[in-house]
Amino acid sequence: MATARCCPADCALRSDWEDELRIEKEMLGSVSVTDLDRLIKLLAHPLRLRIILMLLNRDHCVCEFFYVFEEPRNLISYNLKKLRDGGLIESYYRSNHKIYRLREQDSPAIRRICGDVKRM
């Protein structure tokens, strides 16, 4: 029984295959692996991912996170700080309430990544 080769032996197919690989190599070269690594590490914690998923819908007051997650306040505050320090979220005040939102410049990328997570 012959095993299938992953690389095309036919010259015409091989040329197209090599062209596709060149394009993929160029795309990988333009991706900032450091930024992607930082993002993956920030989203790896379940609570931080759930916070981001909530913020996809709208801005939230810190007390709403306390209510929804039913986790210790210091744990939620710590993870909000990690997300803020990591540059994924920002905060502002509305009256006396601290409100969190996704950073505007990161929002499209986060929405794309987390949108896939929500569909799973």
PDB file of N, CA and C in Angstrom:
ATOM      1  N   MET A   1       0.850  -1.188   0.000  1.00  0.00           N
ATOM      2  CA  MET A   1       0.000   0.000   0.000  1.00  0.00           C
ATOM      3  C   MET A   1       0.891   1.245   0.000  1.00  0.00           C
ATOM      4  N   ALA A   2       0.659   2.116  -0.937  1.00  0.00           N
ATOM      5  CA  ALA A   2       1.457   3.334  -1.067  1.00  0.00           C
ATOM      6  C   ALA A   2       0.939   4.393  -0.099  1.00  0.00           C
ATOM      7  N   THR A   3       1.861   5.145   0.454  1.00  0.00           N
ATOM      8  CA  THR A   3       1.459   6.229   1.352  1.00  0.00           C
ATOM      9  C   THR A   3       1.332   7.519   0.549  1.00  0.00           C
ATOM     10  N   ALA A   4       0.397   8.337   0.941  1.00  0.00           N
ATOM     11  CA  ALA A   4       0.183   9.612   0.257  1.00  0.00           C
ATOM     12  C   ALA A   4       1.276  10.595   0.661  1.00  0.00           C
ATOM     13  N   ARG A   5       1.733  11.358  -0.304  1.00  0.00           N
ATOM     14  CA  ARG A   5       2.733  12.381  -0.027  1.00  0.00           C
ATOM     15  C   ARG A   5       2.020  13.693   0.256  1.00  0.00           C
ATOM     16  N   CYS A   6       2.577  14.463   1.131  1.00  0.00           N
ATOM     17  CA  CYS A   6       1.949  15.756   1.425  1.00  0.00           C
ATOM     18  C   CYS A   6       2.351  16.803   0.389  1.00  0.00           C
ATOM     19  N   CYS A   7       3.496  16.647  -0.219  1.00  0.00           N
ATOM     20  CA  CYS A   7       3.986  17.601  -1.215  1.00  0.00           C
ATOM     21  C   CYS A   7       3.697  17.060  -2.609  1.00  0.00           C
ATOM     22  N   PRO A   8       3.114  17.875  -3.477  1.00  0.00           N
ATOM     23  CA  PRO A   8       2.783  17.380  -4.816  1.00  0.00           C
ATOM     24  C   PRO A   8       4.031  17.041  -5.635  1.00  0.00           C
ATOM     25  N   ALA A   9       3.964  15.896  -6.314  1.00  0.00           N
ATOM     26  CA  ALA A   9       5.074  15.474  -7.175  1.00  0.00           C
ATOM     27  C   ALA A   9       4.956  16.100  -8.561  1.00  0.00           C
ATOM     28  N   ASP A  10       3.731  16.365  -8.992  1.00  0.00           N
ATOM     29  CA  ASP A  10       3.491  16.956 -10.310  1.00  0.00           C
ATOM     30  C   ASP A  10       4.056  18.370 -10.340  1.00  0.00           C
ATOM     31  N   CYS A  11       4.845  18.695 -11.352  1.00  0.00           N
ATOM     32  CA  CYS A  11       5.519  20.005 -11.437  1.00  0.00           C
ATOM     33  C   CYS A  11       4.535  21.172 -11.441  1.00  0.00           C
ATOM     34  N   ALA A  12       3.430  21.046 -12.186  1.00  0.00           N
ATOM     35  CA  ALA A  12       2.453  22.139 -12.264  1.00  0.00           C
ATOM     36  C   ALA A  12       1.805  22.367 -10.900  1.00  0.00           C
ATOM     37  N   LEU A  13       1.438  21.296 -10.247  1.00  0.00           N
ATOM     38  CA  LEU A  13       0.827  21.418  -8.922  1.00  0.00           C
ATOM     39  C   LEU A  13       1.840  21.910  -7.898  1.00  0.00           C
ATOM     40  N   ARG A  14       3.065  21.461  -8.040  1.00  0.00           N
ATOM     41  CA  ARG A  14       4.114  21.849  -7.099  1.00  0.00           C
ATOM     42  C   ARG A  14       4.372  23.353  -7.149  1.00  0.00           C
ATOM     43  N   SER A  15       4.337  23.929  -8.331  1.00  0.00           N
ATOM     44  CA  SER A  15       4.553  25.371  -8.479  1.00  0.00           C
ATOM     45  C   SER A  15       3.468  26.160  -7.739  1.00  0.00           C
ATOM     46  N   ASP A  16       2.207  25.758  -7.923  1.00  0.00           N
ATOM     47  CA  ASP A  16       1.099  26.423  -7.222  1.00  0.00           C
ATOM     48  C   ASP A  16       1.236  26.246  -5.711  1.00  0.00           C
ATOM     49  N   TRP A  17       1.609  25.046  -5.305  1.00  0.00           N
ATOM     50  CA  TRP A  17       1.789  24.731  -3.890  1.00  0.00           C
ATOM     51  C   TRP A  17       2.879  25.611  -3.279  1.00  0.00           C
ATOM     52  N   GLU A  18       3.995  25.759  -3.996  1.00  0.00           N
ATOM     53  CA  GLU A  18       5.090  26.600  -3.507  1.00  0.00           C
ATOM     54  C   GLU A  18       4.667  28.062  -3.428  1.00  0.00           C
ATOM     55  N   ASP A  19       3.879  28.526  -4.411  1.00  0.00           N
ATOM     56  CA  ASP A  19       3.372  29.906  -4.384  1.00  0.00           C
ATOM     57  C   ASP A  19       2.506  30.136  -3.145  1.00  0.00           C
ATOM     58  N   GLU A  20       1.630  29.183  -2.843  1.00  0.00           N
ATOM     59  CA  GLU A  20       0.771  29.302  -1.661  1.00  0.00           C
ATOM     60  C   GLU A  20       1.605  29.343  -0.384  1.00  0.00           C
ATOM     61  N   LEU A  21       2.625  28.508  -0.318  1.00  0.00           N
ATOM     62  CA  LEU A  21       3.493  28.499   0.864  1.00  0.00           C
ATOM     63  C   LEU A  21       4.256  29.809   1.011  1.00  0.00           C
ATOM     64  N   ARG A  22       4.689  30.400  -0.092  1.00  0.00           N
ATOM     65  CA  ARG A  22       5.383  31.692  -0.043  1.00  0.00           C
ATOM     66  C   ARG A  22       4.464  32.774   0.528  1.00  0.00           C
ATOM     67  N   ILE A  23       3.214  32.769   0.075  1.00  0.00           N
ATOM     68  CA  ILE A  23       2.235  33.751   0.565  1.00  0.00           C
ATOM     69  C   ILE A  23       2.015  33.555   2.069  1.00  0.00           C
ATOM     70  N   GLU A  24       1.855  32.300   2.492  1.00  0.00           N
ATOM     71  CA  GLU A  24       1.661  32.021   3.920  1.00  0.00           C
ATOM     72  C   GLU A  24       2.873  32.448   4.736  1.00  0.00           C
ATOM     73  N   LYS A  25       4.055  32.217   4.200  1.00  0.00           N
ATOM     74  CA  LYS A  25       5.285  32.607   4.893  1.00  0.00           C
ATOM     75  C   LYS A  25       5.354  34.123   5.059  1.00  0.00           C
ATOM     76  N   GLU A  26       4.978  34.877   4.022  1.00  0.00           N
ATOM     77  CA  GLU A  26       4.966  36.342   4.101  1.00  0.00           C
ATOM     78  C   GLU A  26       3.953  36.816   5.133  1.00  0.00           C
ATOM     79  N   MET A  27       2.774  36.180   5.159  1.00  0.00           N
ATOM     80  CA  MET A  27       1.746  36.567   6.129  1.00  0.00           C
ATOM     81  C   MET A  27       2.232  36.325   7.551  1.00  0.00           C
ATOM     82  N   LEU A  28       2.882  35.195   7.787  1.00  0.00           N
ATOM     83  CA  LEU A  28       3.401  34.901   9.123  1.00  0.00           C
ATOM     84  C   LEU A  28       4.484  35.881   9.528  1.00  0.00           C
ATOM     85  N   GLY A  29       5.259  36.334   8.564  1.00  0.00           N
ATOM     86  CA  GLY A  29       6.309  37.304   8.853  1.00  0.00           C
ATOM     87  C   GLY A  29       5.756  38.644   9.288  1.00  0.00           C
ATOM     88  N   SER A  30       4.542  38.973   8.837  1.00  0.00           N
ATOM     89  CA  SER A  30       3.954  40.267   9.182  1.00  0.00           C
ATOM     90  C   SER A  30       3.200  40.231  10.510  1.00  0.00           C
ATOM     91  N   VAL A  31       2.946  39.043  11.046  1.00  0.00           N
ATOM     92  CA  VAL A  31       2.239  38.916  12.320  1.00  0.00           C
ATOM     93  C   VAL A  31       3.222  39.134  13.463  1.00  0.00           C
ATOM     94  N   SER A  32       2.812  39.968  14.398  1.00  0.00           N
ATOM     95  CA  SER A  32       3.640  40.181  15.577  1.00  0.00           C
ATOM     96  C   SER A  32       3.372  39.050  16.562  1.00  0.00           C
ATOM     97  N   VAL A  33       4.271  38.103  16.611  1.00  0.00           N
ATOM     98  CA  VAL A  33       4.099  36.948  17.489  1.00  0.00           C
ATOM     99  C   VAL A  33       4.085  37.388  18.948  1.00  0.00           C
ATOM    100  N   THR A  34       4.836  38.411  19.273  1.00  0.00           N
ATOM    101  CA  THR A  34       4.870  38.909  20.649  1.00  0.00           C
ATOM    102  C   THR A  34       3.497  39.420  21.066  1.00  0.00           C
ATOM    103  N   ASP A  35       2.844  40.207  20.204  1.00  0.00           N
ATOM    104  CA  ASP A  35       1.507  40.717  20.516  1.00  0.00           C
ATOM    105  C   ASP A  35       0.498  39.578  20.623  1.00  0.00           C
ATOM    106  N   LEU A  36       0.603  38.633  19.713  1.00  0.00           N
ATOM    107  CA  LEU A  36      -0.310  37.498  19.731  1.00  0.00           C
ATOM    108  C   LEU A  36      -0.103  36.656  20.989  1.00  0.00           C
ATOM    109  N   ASP A  37       1.133  36.459  21.375  1.00  0.00           N
ATOM    110  CA  ASP A  37       1.459  35.709  22.588  1.00  0.00           C
ATOM    111  C   ASP A  37       0.879  36.412  23.819  1.00  0.00           C
ATOM    112  N   ARG A  38       1.025  37.728  23.876  1.00  0.00           N
ATOM    113  CA  ARG A  38       0.481  38.523  24.991  1.00  0.00           C
ATOM    114  C   ARG A  38      -1.039  38.373  25.057  1.00  0.00           C
ATOM    115  N   LEU A  39      -1.687  38.455  23.909  1.00  0.00           N
ATOM    116  CA  LEU A  39      -3.139  38.343  23.847  1.00  0.00           C
ATOM    117  C   LEU A  39      -3.605  36.960  24.300  1.00  0.00           C
ATOM    118  N   ILE A  40      -2.941  35.933  23.821  1.00  0.00           N
ATOM    119  CA  ILE A  40      -3.323  34.567  24.192  1.00  0.00           C
ATOM    120  C   ILE A  40      -3.156  34.349  25.690  1.00  0.00           C
ATOM    121  N   LYS A  41      -2.069  34.850  26.258  1.00  0.00           N
ATOM    122  CA  LYS A  41      -1.849  34.699  27.704  1.00  0.00           C
ATOM    123  C   LYS A  41      -2.924  35.427  28.505  1.00  0.00           C
ATOM    124  N   LEU A  42      -3.310  36.610  28.044  1.00  0.00           N
ATOM    125  CA  LEU A  42      -4.343  37.360  28.762  1.00  0.00           C
ATOM    126  C   LEU A  42      -5.694  36.653  28.699  1.00  0.00           C
ATOM    127  N   LEU A  43      -6.001  36.055  27.562  1.00  0.00           N
ATOM    128  CA  LEU A  43      -7.299  35.408  27.397  1.00  0.00           C
ATOM    129  C   LEU A  43      -7.309  33.965  27.897  1.00  0.00           C
ATOM    130  N   ALA A  44      -6.159  33.458  28.326  1.00  0.00           N
ATOM    131  CA  ALA A  44      -6.072  32.063  28.761  1.00  0.00           C
ATOM    132  C   ALA A  44      -6.793  31.816  30.089  1.00  0.00           C
ATOM    133  N   HIS A  45      -6.916  32.837  30.913  1.00  0.00           N
ATOM    134  CA  HIS A  45      -7.596  32.665  32.204  1.00  0.00           C
ATOM    135  C   HIS A  45      -9.108  32.719  31.979  1.00  0.00           C
ATOM    136  N   PRO A  46      -9.854  31.735  32.479  1.00  0.00           N
ATOM    137  CA  PRO A  46     -11.299  31.683  32.220  1.00  0.00           C
ATOM    138  C   PRO A  46     -12.060  32.939  32.647  1.00  0.00           C
ATOM    139  N   LEU A  47     -11.712  33.513  33.788  1.00  0.00           N
ATOM    140  CA  LEU A  47     -12.425  34.707  34.246  1.00  0.00           C
ATOM    141  C   LEU A  47     -12.147  35.892  33.327  1.00  0.00           C
ATOM    142  N   ARG A  48     -10.908  36.058  32.902  1.00  0.00           N
ATOM    143  CA  ARG A  48     -10.582  37.166  31.994  1.00  0.00           C
ATOM    144  C   ARG A  48     -11.307  36.997  30.661  1.00  0.00           C
ATOM    145  N   LEU A  49     -11.379  35.780  30.173  1.00  0.00           N
ATOM    146  CA  LEU A  49     -12.100  35.538  28.925  1.00  0.00           C
ATOM    147  C   LEU A  49     -13.580  35.854  29.096  1.00  0.00           C
ATOM    148  N   ARG A  50     -14.164  35.473  30.219  1.00  0.00           N
ATOM    149  CA  ARG A  50     -15.579  35.771  30.464  1.00  0.00           C
ATOM    150  C   ARG A  50     -15.813  37.279  30.581  1.00  0.00           C
ATOM    151  N   ILE A  51     -14.876  37.995  31.181  1.00  0.00           N
ATOM    152  CA  ILE A  51     -14.988  39.461  31.265  1.00  0.00           C
ATOM    153  C   ILE A  51     -15.000  40.052  29.859  1.00  0.00           C
ATOM    154  N   ILE A  52     -14.068  39.610  29.021  1.00  0.00           N
ATOM    155  CA  ILE A  52     -14.002  40.116  27.646  1.00  0.00           C
ATOM    156  C   ILE A  52     -15.289  39.786  26.898  1.00  0.00           C
ATOM    157  N   LEU A  53     -15.802  38.577  27.071  1.00  0.00           N
ATOM    158  CA  LEU A  53     -17.048  38.198  26.395  1.00  0.00           C
ATOM    159  C   LEU A  53     -18.202  39.098  26.826  1.00  0.00           C
ATOM    160  N   MET A  54     -18.248  39.474  28.106  1.00  0.00           N
ATOM    161  CA  MET A  54     -19.282  40.413  28.558  1.00  0.00           C
ATOM    162  C   MET A  54     -19.102  41.778  27.910  1.00  0.00           C
ATOM    163  N   LEU A  55     -17.847  42.215  27.808  1.00  0.00           N
ATOM    164  CA  LEU A  55     -17.575  43.548  27.262  1.00  0.00           C
ATOM    165  C   LEU A  55     -17.802  43.620  25.755  1.00  0.00           C
ATOM    166  N   LEU A  56     -17.931  42.489  25.098  1.00  0.00           N
ATOM    167  CA  LEU A  56     -18.253  42.504  23.669  1.00  0.00           C
ATOM    168  C   LEU A  56     -19.632  43.102  23.436  1.00  0.00           C
ATOM    169  N   ASN A  57     -20.530  42.925  24.410  1.00  0.00           N
ATOM    170  CA  ASN A  57     -21.903  43.404  24.261  1.00  0.00           C
ATOM    171  C   ASN A  57     -22.054  44.883  24.583  1.00  0.00           C
ATOM    172  N   ARG A  58     -21.402  45.315  25.662  1.00  0.00           N
ATOM    173  CA  ARG A  58     -21.516  46.718  26.076  1.00  0.00           C
ATOM    174  C   ARG A  58     -20.518  46.997  27.183  1.00  0.00           C
ATOM    175  N   ASP A  59     -20.383  48.262  27.555  1.00  0.00           N
ATOM    176  CA  ASP A  59     -19.551  48.656  28.689  1.00  0.00           C
ATOM    177  C   ASP A  59     -20.239  48.186  29.975  1.00  0.00           C
ATOM    178  N   HIS A  60     -19.421  47.883  31.002  1.00  0.00           N
ATOM    179  CA  HIS A  60     -19.987  47.388  32.256  1.00  0.00           C
ATOM    180  C   HIS A  60     -19.352  48.061  33.457  1.00  0.00           C
ATOM    181  N   CYS A  61     -20.190  48.300  34.454  1.00  0.00           N
ATOM    182  CA  CYS A  61     -19.743  48.778  35.759  1.00  0.00           C
ATOM    183  C   CYS A  61     -19.117  47.596  36.494  1.00  0.00           C
ATOM    184  N   VAL A  62     -18.141  47.875  37.329  1.00  0.00           N
ATOM    185  CA  VAL A  62     -17.456  46.809  38.062  1.00  0.00           C
ATOM    186  C   VAL A  62     -18.431  45.985  38.901  1.00  0.00           C
ATOM    187  N   CYS A  63     -19.453  46.615  39.446  1.00  0.00           N
ATOM    188  CA  CYS A  63     -20.408  45.877  40.278  1.00  0.00           C
ATOM    189  C   CYS A  63     -21.193  44.848  39.458  1.00  0.00           C
ATOM    190  N   GLU A  64     -21.334  45.073  38.156  1.00  0.00           N
ATOM    191  CA  GLU A  64     -22.017  44.091  37.306  1.00  0.00           C
ATOM    192  C   GLU A  64     -21.191  42.810  37.175  1.00  0.00           C
ATOM    193  N   PHE A  65     -19.879  42.952  37.136  1.00  0.00           N
ATOM    194  CA  PHE A  65     -19.015  41.765  37.106  1.00  0.00           C
ATOM    195  C   PHE A  65     -19.150  40.988  38.417  1.00  0.00           C
ATOM    196  N   PHE A  66     -19.213  41.710  39.540  1.00  0.00           N
ATOM    197  CA  PHE A  66     -19.380  41.051  40.837  1.00  0.00           C
ATOM    198  C   PHE A  66     -20.678  40.244  40.855  1.00  0.00           C
ATOM    199  N   TYR A  67     -21.730  40.843  40.333  1.00  0.00           N
ATOM    200  CA  TYR A  67     -23.046  40.200  40.332  1.00  0.00           C
ATOM    201  C   TYR A  67     -23.066  38.966  39.421  1.00  0.00           C
ATOM    202  N   VAL A  68     -22.563  39.105  38.219  1.00  0.00           N
ATOM    203  CA  VAL A  68     -22.637  38.026  37.232  1.00  0.00           C
ATOM    204  C   VAL A  68     -21.739  36.845  37.587  1.00  0.00           C
ATOM    205  N   PHE A  69     -20.518  37.116  37.995  1.00  0.00           N
ATOM    206  CA  PHE A  69     -19.550  36.036  38.188  1.00  0.00           C
ATOM    207  C   PHE A  69     -19.612  35.386  39.567  1.00  0.00           C
ATOM    208  N   GLU A  70     -20.143  36.081  40.547  1.00  0.00           N
ATOM    209  CA  GLU A  70     -20.230  35.545  41.909  1.00  0.00           C
ATOM    210  C   GLU A  70     -18.884  34.992  42.375  1.00  0.00           C
ATOM    211  N   GLU A  71     -17.858  35.725  42.096  1.00  0.00           N
ATOM    212  CA  GLU A  71     -16.490  35.400  42.519  1.00  0.00           C
ATOM    213  C   GLU A  71     -16.070  36.448  43.548  1.00  0.00           C
ATOM    214  N   PRO A  72     -15.035  36.172  44.334  1.00  0.00           N
ATOM    215  CA  PRO A  72     -14.551  37.185  45.276  1.00  0.00           C
ATOM    216  C   PRO A  72     -14.183  38.483  44.544  1.00  0.00           C
ATOM    217  N   ARG A  73     -14.525  39.590  45.154  1.00  0.00           N
ATOM    218  CA  ARG A  73     -14.285  40.898  44.529  1.00  0.00           C
ATOM    219  C   ARG A  73     -12.813  41.123  44.207  1.00  0.00           C
ATOM    220  N   ASN A  74     -11.941  40.682  45.105  1.00  0.00           N
ATOM    221  CA  ASN A  74     -10.517  40.905  44.855  1.00  0.00           C
ATOM    222  C   ASN A  74     -10.037  40.111  43.632  1.00  0.00           C
ATOM    223  N   LEU A  75     -10.623  38.941  43.377  1.00  0.00           N
ATOM    224  CA  LEU A  75     -10.255  38.146  42.205  1.00  0.00           C
ATOM    225  C   LEU A  75     -10.704  38.838  40.916  1.00  0.00           C
ATOM    226  N   ILE A  76     -11.910  39.375  40.925  1.00  0.00           N
ATOM    227  CA  ILE A  76     -12.413  40.096  39.750  1.00  0.00           C
ATOM    228  C   ILE A  76     -11.595  41.361  39.529  1.00  0.00           C
ATOM    229  N   SER A  77     -11.344  42.112  40.587  1.00  0.00           N
ATOM    230  CA  SER A  77     -10.550  43.341  40.465  1.00  0.00           C
ATOM    231  C   SER A  77      -9.147  43.049  39.948  1.00  0.00           C
ATOM    232  N   TYR A  78      -8.540  41.978  40.446  1.00  0.00           N
ATOM    233  CA  TYR A  78      -7.197  41.591  40.001  1.00  0.00           C
ATOM    234  C   TYR A  78      -7.188  41.295  38.496  1.00  0.00           C
ATOM    235  N   ASN A  79      -8.189  40.561  38.028  1.00  0.00           N
ATOM    236  CA  ASN A  79      -8.231  40.199  36.612  1.00  0.00           C
ATOM    237  C   ASN A  79      -8.603  41.380  35.727  1.00  0.00           C
ATOM    238  N   LEU A  80      -9.414  42.295  36.224  1.00  0.00           N
ATOM    239  CA  LEU A  80      -9.678  43.535  35.483  1.00  0.00           C
ATOM    240  C   LEU A  80      -8.385  44.335  35.341  1.00  0.00           C
ATOM    241  N   LYS A  81      -7.604  44.384  36.404  1.00  0.00           N
ATOM    242  CA  LYS A  81      -6.322  45.096  36.363  1.00  0.00           C
ATOM    243  C   LYS A  81      -5.372  44.442  35.356  1.00  0.00           C
ATOM    244  N   LYS A  82      -5.326  43.108  35.334  1.00  0.00           N
ATOM    245  CA  LYS A  82      -4.471  42.403  34.370  1.00  0.00           C
ATOM    246  C   LYS A  82      -4.879  42.749  32.932  1.00  0.00           C
ATOM    247  N   LEU A  83      -6.176  42.783  32.668  1.00  0.00           N
ATOM    248  CA  LEU A  83      -6.664  43.123  31.326  1.00  0.00           C
ATOM    249  C   LEU A  83      -6.365  44.576  30.982  1.00  0.00           C
ATOM    250  N   ARG A  84      -6.510  45.461  31.974  1.00  0.00           N
ATOM    251  CA  ARG A  84      -6.219  46.882  31.751  1.00  0.00           C
ATOM    252  C   ARG A  84      -4.724  47.090  31.534  1.00  0.00           C
ATOM    253  N   ASP A  85      -3.893  46.488  32.384  1.00  0.00           N
ATOM    254  CA  ASP A  85      -2.439  46.610  32.231  1.00  0.00           C
ATOM    255  C   ASP A  85      -1.959  45.979  30.928  1.00  0.00           C
ATOM    256  N   GLY A  86      -2.670  44.942  30.478  1.00  0.00           N
ATOM    257  CA  GLY A  86      -2.327  44.280  29.220  1.00  0.00           C
ATOM    258  C   GLY A  86      -2.808  45.038  28.000  1.00  0.00           C
ATOM    259  N   GLY A  87      -3.548  46.120  28.233  1.00  0.00           N
ATOM    260  CA  GLY A  87      -3.977  46.971  27.132  1.00  0.00           C
ATOM    261  C   GLY A  87      -5.221  46.519  26.400  1.00  0.00           C
ATOM    262  N   LEU A  88      -5.961  45.560  26.943  1.00  0.00           N
ATOM    263  CA  LEU A  88      -7.165  45.097  26.256  1.00  0.00           C
ATOM    264  C   LEU A  88      -8.408  45.885  26.633  1.00  0.00           C
ATOM    265  N   ILE A  89      -8.431  46.399  27.866  1.00  0.00           N
ATOM    266  CA  ILE A  89      -9.601  47.162  28.299  1.00  0.00           C
ATOM    267  C   ILE A  89      -9.142  48.491  28.884  1.00  0.00           C
ATOM    268  N   GLU A  90     -10.103  49.388  29.014  1.00  0.00           N
ATOM    269  CA  GLU A  90      -9.844  50.674  29.654  1.00  0.00           C
ATOM    270  C   GLU A  90     -11.037  50.984  30.541  1.00  0.00           C
ATOM    271  N   SER A  91     -10.857  51.944  31.419  1.00  0.00           N
ATOM    272  CA  SER A  91     -11.944  52.302  32.327  1.00  0.00           C
ATOM    273  C   SER A  91     -12.165  53.804  32.292  1.00  0.00           C
ATOM    274  N   TYR A  92     -13.372  54.186  32.675  1.00  0.00           N
ATOM    275  CA  TYR A  92     -13.725  55.594  32.811  1.00  0.00           C
ATOM    276  C   TYR A  92     -14.789  55.687  33.902  1.00  0.00           C
ATOM    277  N   TYR A  93     -15.056  56.893  34.345  1.00  0.00           N
ATOM    278  CA  TYR A  93     -16.045  57.075  35.402  1.00  0.00           C
ATOM    279  C   TYR A  93     -17.317  57.675  34.833  1.00  0.00           C
ATOM    280  N   ARG A  94     -18.436  57.135  35.275  1.00  0.00           N
ATOM    281  CA  ARG A  94     -19.749  57.691  34.992  1.00  0.00           C
ATOM    282  C   ARG A  94     -20.371  57.926  36.359  1.00  0.00           C
ATOM    283  N   SER A  95     -20.546  59.186  36.715  1.00  0.00           N
ATOM    284  CA  SER A  95     -20.908  59.559  38.088  1.00  0.00           C
ATOM    285  C   SER A  95     -19.839  58.998  39.014  1.00  0.00           C
ATOM    286  N   ASN A  96     -20.239  58.192  39.974  1.00  0.00           N
ATOM    287  CA  ASN A  96     -19.273  57.602  40.903  1.00  0.00           C
ATOM    288  C   ASN A  96     -18.938  56.155  40.557  1.00  0.00           C
ATOM    289  N   HIS A  97     -19.343  55.706  39.382  1.00  0.00           N
ATOM    290  CA  HIS A  97     -19.169  54.307  39.010  1.00  0.00           C
ATOM    291  C   HIS A  97     -18.030  54.145  38.012  1.00  0.00           C
ATOM    292  N   LYS A  98     -17.173  53.180  38.290  1.00  0.00           N
ATOM    293  CA  LYS A  98     -16.086  52.869  37.368  1.00  0.00           C
ATOM    294  C   LYS A  98     -16.635  51.916  36.307  1.00  0.00           C
ATOM    295  N   ILE A  99     -16.491  52.320  35.052  1.00  0.00           N
ATOM    296  CA  ILE A  99     -17.019  51.566  33.920  1.00  0.00           C
ATOM    297  C   ILE A  99     -15.850  51.021  33.101  1.00  0.00           C
ATOM    298  N   TYR A 100     -15.974  49.770  32.671  1.00  0.00           N
ATOM    299  CA  TYR A 100     -14.941  49.144  31.844  1.00  0.00           C
ATOM    300  C   TYR A 100     -15.465  48.934  30.432  1.00  0.00           C
ATOM    301  N   ARG A 101     -14.549  49.047  29.476  1.00  0.00           N
ATOM    302  CA  ARG A 101     -14.891  48.796  28.075  1.00  0.00           C
ATOM    303  C   ARG A 101     -13.655  48.261  27.357  1.00  0.00           C
ATOM    304  N   LEU A 102     -13.907  47.637  26.197  1.00  0.00           N
ATOM    305  CA  LEU A 102     -12.797  47.210  25.354  1.00  0.00           C
ATOM    306  C   LEU A 102     -12.122  48.447  24.793  1.00  0.00           C
ATOM    307  N   ARG A 103     -10.805  48.400  24.665  1.00  0.00           N
ATOM    308  CA  ARG A 103     -10.116  49.522  24.029  1.00  0.00           C
ATOM    309  C   ARG A 103     -10.548  49.589  22.575  1.00  0.00           C
ATOM    310  N   GLU A 104     -10.846  50.773  22.118  1.00  0.00           N
ATOM    311  CA  GLU A 104     -11.380  50.981  20.777  1.00  0.00           C
ATOM    312  C   GLU A 104     -10.481  50.383  19.696  1.00  0.00           C
ATOM    313  N   GLN A 105      -9.159  50.593  19.812  1.00  0.00           N
ATOM    314  CA  GLN A 105      -8.253  50.119  18.769  1.00  0.00           C
ATOM    315  C   GLN A 105      -8.130  48.594  18.752  1.00  0.00           C
ATOM    316  N   ASP A 106      -8.362  47.928  19.886  1.00  0.00           N
ATOM    317  CA  ASP A 106      -8.266  46.468  19.940  1.00  0.00           C
ATOM    318  C   ASP A 106      -9.603  45.785  19.708  1.00  0.00           C
ATOM    319  N   SER A 107     -10.659  46.538  19.752  1.00  0.00           N
ATOM    320  CA  SER A 107     -11.994  45.967  19.691  1.00  0.00           C
ATOM    321  C   SER A 107     -12.237  45.076  18.469  1.00  0.00           C
ATOM    322  N   PRO A 108     -11.876  45.488  17.243  1.00  0.00           N
ATOM    323  CA  PRO A 108     -12.143  44.611  16.091  1.00  0.00           C
ATOM    324  C   PRO A 108     -11.444  43.255  16.192  1.00  0.00           C
ATOM    325  N   ALA A 109     -10.182  43.251  16.602  1.00  0.00           N
ATOM    326  CA  ALA A 109      -9.445  41.985  16.716  1.00  0.00           C
ATOM    327  C   ALA A 109     -10.047  41.112  17.808  1.00  0.00           C
ATOM    328  N   ILE A 110     -10.361  41.716  18.940  1.00  0.00           N
ATOM    329  CA  ILE A 110     -10.951  40.963  20.050  1.00  0.00           C
ATOM    330  C   ILE A 110     -12.306  40.411  19.637  1.00  0.00           C
ATOM    331  N   ARG A 111     -13.090  41.228  18.961  1.00  0.00           N
ATOM    332  CA  ARG A 111     -14.408  40.771  18.516  1.00  0.00           C
ATOM    333  C   ARG A 111     -14.284  39.586  17.562  1.00  0.00           C
ATOM    334  N   ARG A 112     -13.302  39.637  16.694  1.00  0.00           N
ATOM    335  CA  ARG A 112     -13.100  38.546  15.740  1.00  0.00           C
ATOM    336  C   ARG A 112     -12.704  37.258  16.477  1.00  0.00           C
ATOM    337  N   ILE A 113     -11.753  37.363  17.389  1.00  0.00           N
ATOM    338  CA  ILE A 113     -11.279  36.186  18.127  1.00  0.00           C
ATOM    339  C   ILE A 113     -12.369  35.644  19.046  1.00  0.00           C
ATOM    340  N   CYS A 114     -12.973  36.520  19.822  1.00  0.00           N
ATOM    341  CA  CYS A 114     -13.956  36.076  20.807  1.00  0.00           C
ATOM    342  C   CYS A 114     -15.288  35.726  20.165  1.00  0.00           C
ATOM    343  N   GLY A 115     -15.554  36.296  19.017  1.00  0.00           N
ATOM    344  CA  GLY A 115     -16.760  35.915  18.286  1.00  0.00           C
ATOM    345  C   GLY A 115     -16.723  34.441  17.941  1.00  0.00           C
ATOM    346  N   ASP A 116     -15.543  33.955  17.589  1.00  0.00           N
ATOM    347  CA  ASP A 116     -15.373  32.528  17.309  1.00  0.00           C
ATOM    348  C   ASP A 116     -15.591  31.707  18.574  1.00  0.00           C
ATOM    349  N   VAL A 117     -15.131  32.208  19.706  1.00  0.00           N
ATOM    350  CA  VAL A 117     -15.304  31.507  20.982  1.00  0.00           C
ATOM    351  C   VAL A 117     -16.790  31.422  21.330  1.00  0.00           C
ATOM    352  N   LYS A 118     -17.533  32.501  21.117  1.00  0.00           N
ATOM    353  CA  LYS A 118     -18.958  32.519  21.453  1.00  0.00           C
ATOM    354  C   LYS A 118     -19.751  31.524  20.606  1.00  0.00           C
ATOM    355  N   ARG A 119     -19.288  31.275  19.375  1.00  0.00           N
ATOM    356  CA  ARG A 119     -20.000  30.345  18.496  1.00  0.00           C
ATOM    357  C   ARG A 119     -19.709  28.881  18.821  1.00  0.00           C
ATOM    358  N   MET A 120     -18.695  28.630  19.640  1.00  0.00           N
ATOM    359  CA  MET A 120     -18.314  27.235  19.946  1.00  0.00           C
ATOM    360  C   MET A 120     -19.339  26.561  20.831  1.00  0.00           C
TER     361      MET A 120
END
